[in-house]
C-alpha atoms as a PDB file:
ATOM      1  CA  MET A   1     -11.818  16.721   4.142  1.00  0.00           C
ATOM      2  CA  HIS A   2     -11.395  14.034   1.487  1.00  0.00           C
ATOM      3  CA  ILE A   3     -14.487  13.697  -0.727  1.00  0.00           C
ATOM      4  CA  PRO A   4     -14.540  10.192  -2.263  1.00  0.00           C
ATOM      5  CA  THR A   5     -15.077   9.344  -5.910  1.00  0.00           C
ATOM      6  CA  ARG A   6     -18.333   7.889  -7.201  1.00  0.00           C
ATOM      7  CA  ARG A   7     -18.353   5.448 -10.112  1.00  0.00           C
ATOM      8  CA  GLY A   8     -14.759   6.450 -10.761  1.00  0.00           C
ATOM      9  CA  VAL A   9     -15.539  10.193 -10.956  1.00  0.00           C
ATOM     10  CA  GLY A  10     -13.879  12.609  -8.570  1.00  0.00           C
ATOM     11  CA  PRO A  11     -15.881  15.553  -7.212  1.00  0.00           C
ATOM     12  CA  THR A  12     -15.820  19.003  -8.806  1.00  0.00           C
ATOM     13  CA  CYS A  13     -15.390  21.841  -6.295  1.00  0.00           C
ATOM     14  CA  VAL A  14     -17.444  25.059  -6.576  1.00  0.00           C
ATOM     15  CA  PHE A  15     -16.810  28.206  -4.495  1.00  0.00           C
ATOM     16  CA  LEU A  16     -19.937  30.143  -3.493  1.00  0.00           C
ATOM     17  CA  PRO A  17     -19.358  33.920  -3.802  1.00  0.00           C
ATOM     18  CA  ALA A  18     -21.466  36.685  -2.258  1.00  0.00           C
ATOM     19  CA  GLY A  19     -24.719  36.986  -4.169  1.00  0.00           C
ATOM     20  CA  PRO A  20     -28.521  37.235  -4.113  1.00  0.00           C
ATOM     21  CA  TRP A  21     -29.468  33.563  -4.520  1.00  0.00           C
ATOM     22  CA  PRO A  22     -32.032  32.362  -1.960  1.00  0.00           C
ATOM     23  CA  THR A  23     -31.065  28.691  -2.266  1.00  0.00           C
ATOM     24  CA  VAL A  24     -28.132  26.609  -3.425  1.00  0.00           C
ATOM     25  CA  LEU A  25     -30.351  25.284  -6.220  1.00  0.00           C
ATOM     26  CA  ASP A  26     -30.972  28.807  -7.528  1.00  0.00           C
ATOM     27  CA  PHE A  27     -27.214  29.471  -7.598  1.00  0.00           C
ATOM     28  CA  LEU A  28     -26.410  26.238  -9.451  1.00  0.00           C
ATOM     29  CA  VAL A  29     -29.095  26.824 -12.071  1.00  0.00           C
ATOM     30  CA  GLU A  30     -27.973  30.410 -12.768  1.00  0.00           C
ATOM     31  CA  ARG A  31     -24.220  29.796 -12.729  1.00  0.00           C
ATOM     32  CA  MET A  32     -24.289  26.523 -14.692  1.00  0.00           C
ATOM     33  CA  PRO A  33     -27.224  26.931 -17.089  1.00  0.00           C
ATOM     34  CA  HIS A  34     -25.976  24.146 -19.385  1.00  0.00           C
ATOM     35  CA  ILE A  35     -27.448  21.829 -16.736  1.00  0.00           C
ATOM     36  CA  SER A  36     -31.231  22.196 -16.419  1.00  0.00           C
ATOM     37  CA  ARG A  37     -33.065  23.016 -13.201  1.00  0.00           C
ATOM     38  CA  GLU A  38     -34.670  19.584 -13.379  1.00  0.00           C
ATOM     39  CA  ALA A  39     -31.242  17.924 -13.596  1.00  0.00           C
ATOM     40  CA  TRP A  40     -29.900  19.907 -10.619  1.00  0.00           C
ATOM     41  CA  THR A  41     -33.038  19.056  -8.660  1.00  0.00           C
ATOM     42  CA  GLU A  42     -32.465  15.363  -9.337  1.00  0.00           C
ATOM     43  CA  ARG A  43     -28.785  15.630  -8.321  1.00  0.00           C
ATOM     44  CA  LEU A  44     -29.755  17.225  -5.020  1.00  0.00           C
ATOM     45  CA  ARG A  45     -32.426  14.603  -4.377  1.00  0.00           C
ATOM     46  CA  SER A  46     -29.951  11.814  -5.129  1.00  0.00           C
ATOM     47  CA  GLN A  47     -27.405  13.355  -2.702  1.00  0.00           C
ATOM     48  CA  SER A  48     -24.921  14.053  -5.515  1.00  0.00           C
ATOM     49  CA  VAL A  49     -24.165  17.587  -4.278  1.00  0.00           C
ATOM     50  CA  LEU A  50     -22.163  17.770  -1.035  1.00  0.00           C
ATOM     51  CA  ASN A  51     -21.030  20.544   1.284  1.00  0.00           C
ATOM     52  CA  ALA A  52     -17.446  21.070   2.479  1.00  0.00           C
ATOM     53  CA  GLU A  53     -17.987  18.500   5.244  1.00  0.00           C
ATOM     54  CA  GLY A  54     -19.081  15.872   2.736  1.00  0.00           C
ATOM     55  CA  GLN A  55     -22.739  16.019   3.775  1.00  0.00           C
ATOM     56  CA  PRO A  56     -25.554  16.061   1.178  1.00  0.00           C
ATOM     57  CA  VAL A  57     -26.974  19.472   0.313  1.00  0.00           C
ATOM     58  CA  LEU A  58     -30.757  19.593   0.748  1.00  0.00           C
ATOM     59  CA  LEU A  59     -33.084  20.608  -2.061  1.00  0.00           C
ATOM     60  CA  THR A  60     -34.201  23.698  -0.113  1.00  0.00           C
ATOM     61  CA  GLN A  61     -30.765  24.475   1.374  1.00  0.00           C
ATOM     62  CA  PRO A  62     -30.373  28.254   1.921  1.00  0.00           C
ATOM     63  CA  TYR A  63     -27.495  29.856   0.054  1.00  0.00           C
ATOM     64  CA  THR A  64     -24.432  30.534   2.231  1.00  0.00           C
ATOM     65  CA  PRO A  65     -21.699  32.631   0.576  1.00  0.00           C
ATOM     66  CA  HIS A  66     -17.971  31.995   1.009  1.00  0.00           C
ATOM     67  CA  THR A  67     -18.439  28.247   1.349  1.00  0.00           C
ATOM     68  CA  ARG A  68     -17.705  25.349  -1.010  1.00  0.00           C
ATOM     69  CA  LEU A  69     -19.777  22.685  -2.696  1.00  0.00           C
ATOM     70  CA  PHE A  70     -18.802  19.447  -4.395  1.00  0.00           C
ATOM     71  CA  TYR A  71     -20.724  17.748  -7.162  1.00  0.00           C
ATOM     72  CA  TYR A  72     -20.149  14.751  -9.424  1.00  0.00           C
ATOM     73  CA  ARG A  73     -20.120  15.223 -13.191  1.00  0.00           C
ATOM     74  CA  HIS A  74     -22.666  13.131 -15.028  1.00  0.00           C
ATOM     75  CA  ILE A  75     -23.613  13.188 -18.705  1.00  0.00           C
ATOM     76  CA  GLU A  76     -27.127  12.179 -19.654  1.00  0.00           C
ATOM     77  CA  ASP A  77     -27.090   9.759 -22.606  1.00  0.00           C
ATOM     78  CA  GLU A  78     -23.285   9.684 -22.727  1.00  0.00           C
ATOM     79  CA  PRO A  79     -22.185   8.225 -26.093  1.00  0.00           C
ATOM     80  CA  GLN A  80     -20.698   4.749 -26.078  1.00  0.00           C
ATOM     81  CA  LEU A  81     -17.241   4.515 -27.622  1.00  0.00           C
ATOM     82  CA  PRO A  82     -16.661   1.598 -30.018  1.00  0.00           C
ATOM     83  CA  GLU A  83     -13.590   0.255 -28.170  1.00  0.00           C
ATOM     84  CA  GLN A  84     -12.380  -0.023 -24.595  1.00  0.00           C
ATOM     85  CA  ALA A  85      -8.869   0.433 -23.253  1.00  0.00           C
ATOM     86  CA  SER A  86      -6.703  -2.469 -22.137  1.00  0.00           C
ATOM     87  CA  ILE A  87      -4.094  -2.748 -19.385  1.00  0.00           C
ATOM     88  CA  VAL A  88      -0.577  -3.493 -20.627  1.00  0.00           C
ATOM     89  CA  PHE A  89       1.188  -3.515 -17.245  1.00  0.00           C
ATOM     90  CA  GLU A  90       0.405  -2.987 -13.564  1.00  0.00           C
ATOM     91  CA  ASP A  91       2.390  -3.112 -10.339  1.00  0.00           C
ATOM     92  CA  ASP A  92       2.046  -1.385  -6.938  1.00  0.00           C
ATOM     93  CA  HIS A  93       3.128   1.993  -8.370  1.00  0.00           C
ATOM     94  CA  LEU A  94       2.330   2.134 -12.060  1.00  0.00           C
ATOM     95  CA  LEU A  95      -0.381   1.201 -14.534  1.00  0.00           C
ATOM     96  CA  VAL A  96       0.169   1.312 -18.311  1.00  0.00           C
ATOM     97  CA  ALA A  97      -2.944   1.443 -20.495  1.00  0.00           C
ATOM     98  CA  ASP A  98      -3.403   0.980 -24.246  1.00  0.00           C
ATOM     99  CA  LYS A  99      -5.993   3.608 -25.233  1.00  0.00           C
ATOM    100  CA  PRO A 100      -8.177   3.437 -28.365  1.00  0.00           C
ATOM    101  CA  HIS A 101      -8.823   6.359 -30.686  1.00  0.00           C
ATOM    102  CA  PHE A 102     -11.547   8.852 -29.629  1.00  0.00           C
ATOM    103  CA  MET A 103     -11.197   8.167 -25.889  1.00  0.00           C
ATOM    104  CA  PRO A 104     -10.187  11.150 -23.688  1.00  0.00           C
ATOM    105  CA  VAL A 105      -7.638  10.456 -20.972  1.00  0.00           C
ATOM    106  CA  THR A 106      -9.657  12.405 -18.368  1.00  0.00           C
ATOM    107  CA  PRO A 107     -13.366  13.348 -18.228  1.00  0.00           C
ATOM    108  CA  GLY A 108     -14.242  16.197 -20.548  1.00  0.00           C
ATOM    109  CA  GLY A 109     -16.918  17.367 -22.936  1.00  0.00           C
ATOM    110  CA  ARG A 110     -19.421  14.633 -23.665  1.00  0.00           C
ATOM    111  CA  TYR A 111     -17.354  11.825 -22.085  1.00  0.00           C
ATOM    112  CA  VAL A 112     -17.146  11.024 -18.357  1.00  0.00           C
ATOM    113  CA  GLN A 113     -17.713   7.322 -17.758  1.00  0.00           C
ATOM    114  CA  GLN A 114     -16.155   6.606 -21.177  1.00  0.00           C
ATOM    115  CA  SER A 115     -12.911   8.436 -20.346  1.00  0.00           C
ATOM    116  CA  LEU A 116      -9.778   6.366 -19.775  1.00  0.00           C
ATOM    117  CA  LEU A 117      -9.275   7.469 -16.174  1.00  0.00           C
ATOM    118  CA  VAL A 118     -12.839   6.765 -15.034  1.00  0.00           C
ATOM    119  CA  GLN A 119     -12.930   3.440 -16.872  1.00  0.00           C
ATOM    120  CA  LEU A 120      -9.711   2.306 -15.186  1.00  0.00           C
ATOM    121  CA  LYS A 121     -10.782   3.512 -11.724  1.00  0.00           C
ATOM    122  CA  ASN A 122     -13.969   1.481 -12.053  1.00  0.00           C
ATOM    123  CA  LEU A 123     -12.072  -1.535 -13.377  1.00  0.00           C
ATOM    124  CA  THR A 124      -9.258  -1.566 -10.799  1.00  0.00           C
ATOM    125  CA  GLY A 125     -10.880   0.073  -7.762  1.00  0.00           C
ATOM    126  CA  HIS A 126      -7.883   2.443  -7.374  1.00  0.00           C
ATOM    127  CA  ASP A 127      -9.348   5.863  -6.519  1.00  0.00           C
ATOM    128  CA  ASP A 128      -5.879   7.485  -6.418  1.00  0.00           C
ATOM    129  CA  LEU A 129      -5.122   6.554 -10.029  1.00  0.00           C
ATOM    130  CA  ALA A 130      -3.926   9.616 -12.006  1.00  0.00           C
ATOM    131  CA  PRO A 131      -2.490  10.095 -15.518  1.00  0.00           C
ATOM    132  CA  LEU A 132       1.209  10.961 -15.528  1.00  0.00           C
ATOM    133  CA  HIS A 133       0.976  12.566 -18.991  1.00  0.00           C
ATOM    134  CA  ARG A 134      -1.615  13.142 -21.695  1.00  0.00           C
ATOM    135  CA  ILE A 135      -2.142  12.165 -25.283  1.00  0.00           C
ATOM    136  CA  ASP A 136      -4.817  13.644 -27.523  1.00  0.00           C
ATOM    137  CA  ARG A 137      -8.283  12.131 -27.438  1.00  0.00           C
ATOM    138  CA  GLU A 138      -7.932  11.412 -31.165  1.00  0.00           C
ATOM    139  CA  THR A 139      -4.623   9.572 -30.703  1.00  0.00           C
ATOM    140  CA  ALA A 140      -4.458   5.889 -29.752  1.00  0.00           C
ATOM    141  CA  GLY A 141      -1.765   4.138 -27.738  1.00  0.00           C
ATOM    142  CA  LEU A 142       0.104   4.029 -24.455  1.00  0.00           C
ATOM    143  CA  VAL A 143      -0.683   6.133 -21.392  1.00  0.00           C
ATOM    144  CA  LEU A 144       1.123   5.919 -18.032  1.00  0.00           C
ATOM    145  CA  LEU A 145      -0.922   6.316 -14.840  1.00  0.00           C
ATOM    146  CA  GLY A 146       0.387   6.560 -11.293  1.00  0.00           C
ATOM    147  CA  LYS A 147      -1.291   4.596  -8.505  1.00  0.00           C
ATOM    148  CA  ARG A 148       0.116   6.423  -5.467  1.00  0.00           C
ATOM    149  CA  PRO A 149       0.142  10.226  -4.957  1.00  0.00           C
ATOM    150  CA  ALA A 150       3.547   9.999  -3.245  1.00  0.00           C
ATOM    151  CA  ASP A 151       5.137   8.651  -6.459  1.00  0.00           C
ATOM    152  CA  ARG A 152       3.739  11.165  -8.949  1.00  0.00           C
ATOM    153  CA  ASN A 153       6.448  13.792  -8.705  1.00  0.00           C
ATOM    154  CA  ALA A 154       9.151  11.214  -9.418  1.00  0.00           C
ATOM    155  CA  TYR A 155       7.403  10.192 -12.649  1.00  0.00           C
ATOM    156  CA  HIS A 156       6.596  13.797 -13.598  1.00  0.00           C
ATOM    157  CA  THR A 157      10.277  14.623 -13.205  1.00  0.00           C
ATOM    158  CA  LEU A 158      11.110  12.029 -15.877  1.00  0.00           C
ATOM    159  CA  PHE A 159       8.886  13.879 -18.344  1.00  0.00           C
ATOM    160  CA  ARG A 160      10.159  17.328 -17.343  1.00  0.00           C
ATOM    161  CA  GLN A 161      13.767  16.233 -17.755  1.00  0.00           C
ATOM    162  CA  ARG A 162      12.999  14.344 -21.002  1.00  0.00           C
ATOM    163  CA  HIS A 163      14.177  11.016 -19.624  1.00  0.00           C
ATOM    164  CA  ILE A 164      11.273   9.132 -21.185  1.00  0.00           C
ATOM    165  CA  HIS A 165      11.660   7.952 -24.779  1.00  0.00           C
ATOM    166  CA  LYS A 166       8.360   7.906 -26.681  1.00  0.00           C
ATOM    167  CA  THR A 167       7.862   6.552 -30.197  1.00  0.00           C
ATOM    168  CA  TYR A 168       4.787   7.173 -32.354  1.00  0.00           C
ATOM    169  CA  LEU A 169       3.644   5.786 -35.690  1.00  0.00           C
ATOM    170  CA  ALA A 170       1.759   7.917 -38.210  1.00  0.00           C
ATOM    171  CA  VAL A 171       0.289   7.524 -41.692  1.00  0.00           C
ATOM    172  CA  ALA A 172       0.589  10.500 -44.062  1.00  0.00           C
ATOM    173  CA  PRO A 173       1.314  11.267 -47.735  1.00  0.00           C
ATOM    174  CA  PHE A 174       4.664  10.345 -49.257  1.00  0.00           C
ATOM    175  CA  ARG A 175       6.868  13.083 -50.730  1.00  0.00           C
ATOM    176  CA  ALA A 176       9.804  11.720 -52.732  1.00  0.00           C
ATOM    177  CA  GLU A 177      11.743  14.999 -52.552  1.00  0.00           C
ATOM    178  CA  LEU A 178      12.127  14.806 -48.761  1.00  0.00           C
ATOM    179  CA  THR A 179      15.132  13.061 -47.229  1.00  0.00           C
ATOM    180  CA  TRP A 180      15.007  10.844 -44.149  1.00  0.00           C
ATOM    181  CA  PRO A 181      15.590  10.704 -41.270  1.00  0.00           C
ATOM    182  CA  ARG A 182      15.209  14.343 -40.313  1.00  0.00           C
ATOM    183  CA  THR A 183      14.592  16.524 -37.251  1.00  0.00           C
ATOM    184  CA  HIS A 184      11.955  19.249 -37.274  1.00  0.00           C
ATOM    185  CA  THR A 185      12.083  22.132 -34.794  1.00  0.00           C
ATOM    186  CA  SER A 186       9.823  25.181 -34.479  1.00  0.00           C
ATOM    187  CA  ARG A 187       8.130  27.554 -32.091  1.00  0.00           C
ATOM    188  CA  LEU A 188       4.579  26.388 -31.327  1.00  0.00           C
ATOM    189  CA  VAL A 189       1.897  28.635 -29.818  1.00  0.00           C
ATOM    190  CA  ALA A 190      -1.873  28.450 -29.448  1.00  0.00           C
ATOM    191  CA  GLY A 191      -3.702  29.610 -32.558  1.00  0.00           C
ATOM    192  CA  GLU A 192      -7.238  30.152 -33.805  1.00  0.00           C
ATOM    193  CA  PRO A 193      -9.544  28.443 -33.054  1.00  0.00           C
ATOM    194  CA  PHE A 194      -8.289  28.005 -29.485  1.00  0.00           C
ATOM    195  CA  PHE A 195      -7.886  24.219 -29.769  1.00  0.00           C
ATOM    196  CA  ARG A 196      -5.357  24.442 -32.638  1.00  0.00           C
ATOM    197  CA  MET A 197      -1.615  25.121 -32.473  1.00  0.00           C
ATOM    198  CA  GLN A 198       0.506  26.974 -35.021  1.00  0.00           C
ATOM    199  CA  GLU A 199       4.156  27.561 -35.874  1.00  0.00           C
ATOM    200  CA  VAL A 200       5.412  31.142 -35.499  1.00  0.00           C
ATOM    201  CA  PRO A 201       8.805  32.839 -35.883  1.00  0.00           C
ATOM    202  CA  GLY A 202      11.062  32.760 -32.831  1.00  0.00           C
ATOM    203  CA  ASP A 203      13.191  30.466 -30.746  1.00  0.00           C
ATOM    204  CA  ALA A 204      12.177  26.822 -31.138  1.00  0.00           C
ATOM    205  CA  ASN A 205      10.294  25.267 -28.236  1.00  0.00           C
ATOM    206  CA  SER A 206       9.464  21.945 -29.947  1.00  0.00           C
ATOM    207  CA  GLU A 207      11.475  19.176 -31.585  1.00  0.00           C
ATOM    208  CA  THR A 208      10.524  15.942 -33.350  1.00  0.00           C
ATOM    209  CA  ARG A 209      12.744  13.298 -34.975  1.00  0.00           C
ATOM    210  CA  ILE A 210      11.050  11.750 -38.002  1.00  0.00           C
ATOM    211  CA  SER A 211      11.911   8.602 -39.977  1.00  0.00           C
ATOM    212  CA  LEU A 212      10.334   6.954 -42.996  1.00  0.00           C
ATOM    213  CA  LEU A 213       9.526   3.285 -42.319  1.00  0.00           C
ATOM    214  CA  ARG A 214       7.913   2.281 -45.628  1.00  0.00           C
ATOM    215  CA  THR A 215       5.814   3.647 -48.478  1.00  0.00           C
ATOM    216  CA  ASP A 216       3.467   2.382 -51.179  1.00  0.00           C
ATOM    217  CA  GLY A 217       4.329   5.340 -53.417  1.00  0.00           C
ATOM    218  CA  SER A 218       1.519   7.702 -52.414  1.00  0.00           C
ATOM    219  CA  ARG A 219       1.167   7.039 -48.681  1.00  0.00           C
ATOM    220  CA  ALA A 220       3.796   6.283 -46.069  1.00  0.00           C
ATOM    221  CA  LEU A 221       4.221   4.994 -42.526  1.00  0.00           C
ATOM    222  CA  TYR A 222       6.418   7.262 -40.421  1.00  0.00           C
ATOM    223  CA  GLN A 223       8.113   6.910 -37.047  1.00  0.00           C
ATOM    224  CA  LEU A 224       7.920  10.048 -34.892  1.00  0.00           C
ATOM    225  CA  GLU A 225      10.044  10.597 -31.794  1.00  0.00           C
ATOM    226  CA  PRO A 226       9.053  13.758 -29.915  1.00  0.00           C
ATOM    227  CA  VAL A 227      11.868  15.323 -27.888  1.00  0.00           C
ATOM    228  CA  SER A 228       9.522  17.965 -26.458  1.00  0.00           C
ATOM    229  CA  GLY A 229       5.856  17.524 -25.602  1.00  0.00           C
ATOM    230  CA  LYS A 230       3.840  20.465 -26.923  1.00  0.00           C
ATOM    231  CA  ARG A 231       0.121  20.075 -27.614  1.00  0.00           C
ATOM    232  CA  HIS A 232      -0.542  18.754 -31.155  1.00  0.00           C
ATOM    233  CA  GLN A 233       3.199  18.892 -31.802  1.00  0.00           C
ATOM    234  CA  LEU A 234       3.401  15.827 -34.056  1.00  0.00           C
ATOM    235  CA  ARG A 235       0.395  16.855 -36.122  1.00  0.00           C
ATOM    236  CA  VAL A 236       1.682  20.400 -36.676  1.00  0.00           C
ATOM    237  CA  HIS A 237       5.266  19.334 -37.417  1.00  0.00           C
ATOM    238  CA  MET A 238       4.129  16.821 -40.029  1.00  0.00           C
ATOM    239  CA  LEU A 239       1.811  19.407 -41.580  1.00  0.00           C
ATOM    240  CA  ALA A 240       4.727  21.865 -41.813  1.00  0.00           C
ATOM    241  CA  LEU A 241       6.525  19.279 -43.971  1.00  0.00           C
ATOM    242  CA  GLY A 242       3.497  19.018 -46.257  1.00  0.00           C
ATOM    243  CA  LEU A 243       2.504  15.686 -44.658  1.00  0.00           C
ATOM    244  CA  PRO A 244      -0.890  16.113 -42.962  1.00  0.00           C
ATOM    245  CA  LEU A 245      -1.831  12.996 -40.999  1.00  0.00           C
ATOM    246  CA  GLU A 246      -4.629  10.845 -42.361  1.00  0.00           C
ATOM    247  CA  GLY A 247      -7.883  11.345 -40.510  1.00  0.00           C
ATOM    248  CA  ASP A 248      -6.847  14.693 -38.982  1.00  0.00           C
ATOM    249  CA  LEU A 249      -9.965  16.832 -38.665  1.00  0.00           C
ATOM    250  CA  PHE A 250      -8.148  19.859 -37.202  1.00  0.00           C
ATOM    251  CA  TYR A 251      -5.124  20.254 -39.518  1.00  0.00           C
ATOM    252  CA  PRO A 252      -4.589  21.770 -42.033  1.00  0.00           C
ATOM    253  CA  GLU A 253      -8.044  23.188 -41.335  1.00  0.00           C
ATOM    254  CA  ALA A 254     -10.708  22.495 -38.732  1.00  0.00           C
ATOM    255  CA  LEU A 255     -13.292  20.264 -40.390  1.00  0.00           C
ATOM    256  CA  ARG A 256     -15.294  19.882 -37.174  1.00  0.00           C
ATOM    257  CA  GLY A 257     -15.588  21.577 -33.806  1.00  0.00           C
ATOM    258  CA  PRO A 258     -14.597  19.811 -30.570  1.00  0.00           C
ATOM    259  CA  ASP A 259     -18.261  19.033 -29.843  1.00  0.00           C
ATOM    260  CA  ALA A 260     -19.369  17.958 -33.336  1.00  0.00           C
ATOM    261  CA  PRO A 261     -20.716  14.406 -33.812  1.00  0.00           C
ATOM    262  CA  GLU A 262     -18.082  11.689 -34.098  1.00  0.00           C
ATOM    263  CA  ASP A 263     -17.330   9.644 -37.194  1.00  0.00           C
ATOM    264  CA  PHE A 264     -15.721   6.561 -35.689  1.00  0.00           C
ATOM    265  CA  SER A 265     -14.755   5.282 -39.145  1.00  0.00           C
ATOM    266  CA  GLN A 266     -12.317   8.195 -39.625  1.00  0.00           C
ATOM    267  CA  ALA A 267      -9.725   7.745 -36.884  1.00  0.00           C
ATOM    268  CA  LEU A 268      -6.619   9.934 -36.789  1.00  0.00           C
ATOM    269  CA  GLN A 269      -3.765   7.739 -37.985  1.00  0.00           C
ATOM    270  CA  LEU A 270      -1.459   8.449 -35.057  1.00  0.00           C
ATOM    271  CA  LEU A 271      -0.404   5.852 -32.488  1.00  0.00           C
ATOM    272  CA  ALA A 272       1.681   6.188 -29.310  1.00  0.00           C
ATOM    273  CA  GLN A 273       3.386   2.858 -30.011  1.00  0.00           C
ATOM    274  CA  ARG A 274       6.324   2.524 -27.594  1.00  0.00           C
ATOM    275  CA  ILE A 275       7.595   4.062 -24.381  1.00  0.00           C
ATOM    276  CA  ALA A 276      10.854   3.361 -22.536  1.00  0.00           C
ATOM    277  CA  PHE A 277      12.361   4.705 -19.300  1.00  0.00           C
ATOM    278  CA  THR A 278      14.044   3.790 -16.044  1.00  0.00           C
ATOM    279  CA  ASP A 279      11.386   3.491 -13.366  1.00  0.00           C
ATOM    280  CA  PRO A 280      12.208   6.126 -10.708  1.00  0.00           C
ATOM    281  CA  VAL A 281      10.466   4.129  -7.954  1.00  0.00           C
ATOM    282  CA  THR A 282      11.750   0.598  -8.567  1.00  0.00           C
ATOM    283  CA  GLY A 283      14.869   1.287 -10.663  1.00  0.00           C
ATOM    284  CA  ALA A 284      13.689  -1.251 -13.254  1.00  0.00           C
ATOM    285  CA  GLU A 285      14.193  -0.665 -16.981  1.00  0.00           C
ATOM    286  CA  ARG A 286      10.739  -0.294 -18.506  1.00  0.00           C
ATOM    287  CA  PHE A 287       9.727  -0.874 -22.126  1.00  0.00           C
ATOM    288  CA  PHE A 288       6.112  -1.074 -23.234  1.00  0.00           C
ATOM    289  CA  GLU A 289       4.550  -1.488 -26.672  1.00  0.00           C
ATOM    290  CA  SER A 290       1.007  -0.881 -27.879  1.00  0.00           C
ATOM    291  CA  GLN A 291      -0.948  -3.770 -29.355  1.00  0.00           C
ATOM    292  CA  ARG A 292      -2.950  -1.395 -31.582  1.00  0.00           C
ATOM    293  CA  SER A 293      -2.233  -0.669 -35.231  1.00  0.00           C
ATOM    294  CA  LEU A 294      -2.863   1.900 -37.957  1.00  0.00           C
ATOM    295  CA  ARG A 295      -4.457   1.483 -41.384  1.00  0.00           C
ATOM    296  CA  PHE A 296      -1.423   0.868 -43.563  1.00  0.00           C
END
């Protein structure tokens, strides 16, 4: 059964295993203790927890193992981001958004209603809207979203086959001894802490083309063209060249955890500026450009 979205948020599915819980409420409180008993009680009373048939779960509902529940994520006192996304392009198949720094593409951590996907679902009324790729929460710029489930694989194939040309801008130190343009390749794997990536010996699985656009002598504006799409690839590749991006709180060292308070005045100076491809649904040549800028 299809469980609809609420306020742009899709339902989270929970499987109920065999266990000793007398009620559904007891199970939810024990298995998800980061949400208080009072909060779960309020969600049940407001009919925000549903069974597999889409019917509200009662406050005193007995626990039934080997069934499924659905609930809607909600963050009490969710922080307000300083900027909202804008829509660059929209047709029957595709929506292109221009995302600000600090905004996650999908709900996660402390942001649900403030995420790009939920904001756009609420704005457009398209419940089937789904991101076709991701960019980091700290990165600003263009994000493609599909409007119809039947079209998603065609767009995903473009990314898998590297038929989409993406161009980023970044601000980092200037090193006069480096020559430009250049291509950086390396093997990237998850590191420590878990949210950081690192270069290791071995066959390269990442590639970035890098050009110098202009410099003031100590800082420079660079153009980055990722051939592959590994997590944090651009940040790690620039760091490997001795060019850590301005505003990067994770590289070369983690200056804050993923859940630490935000400093909105210190945005990562990385922008997904342009994207070009042949639309696999319409056959049209697509070229989009961000209206955002970096501090340079």
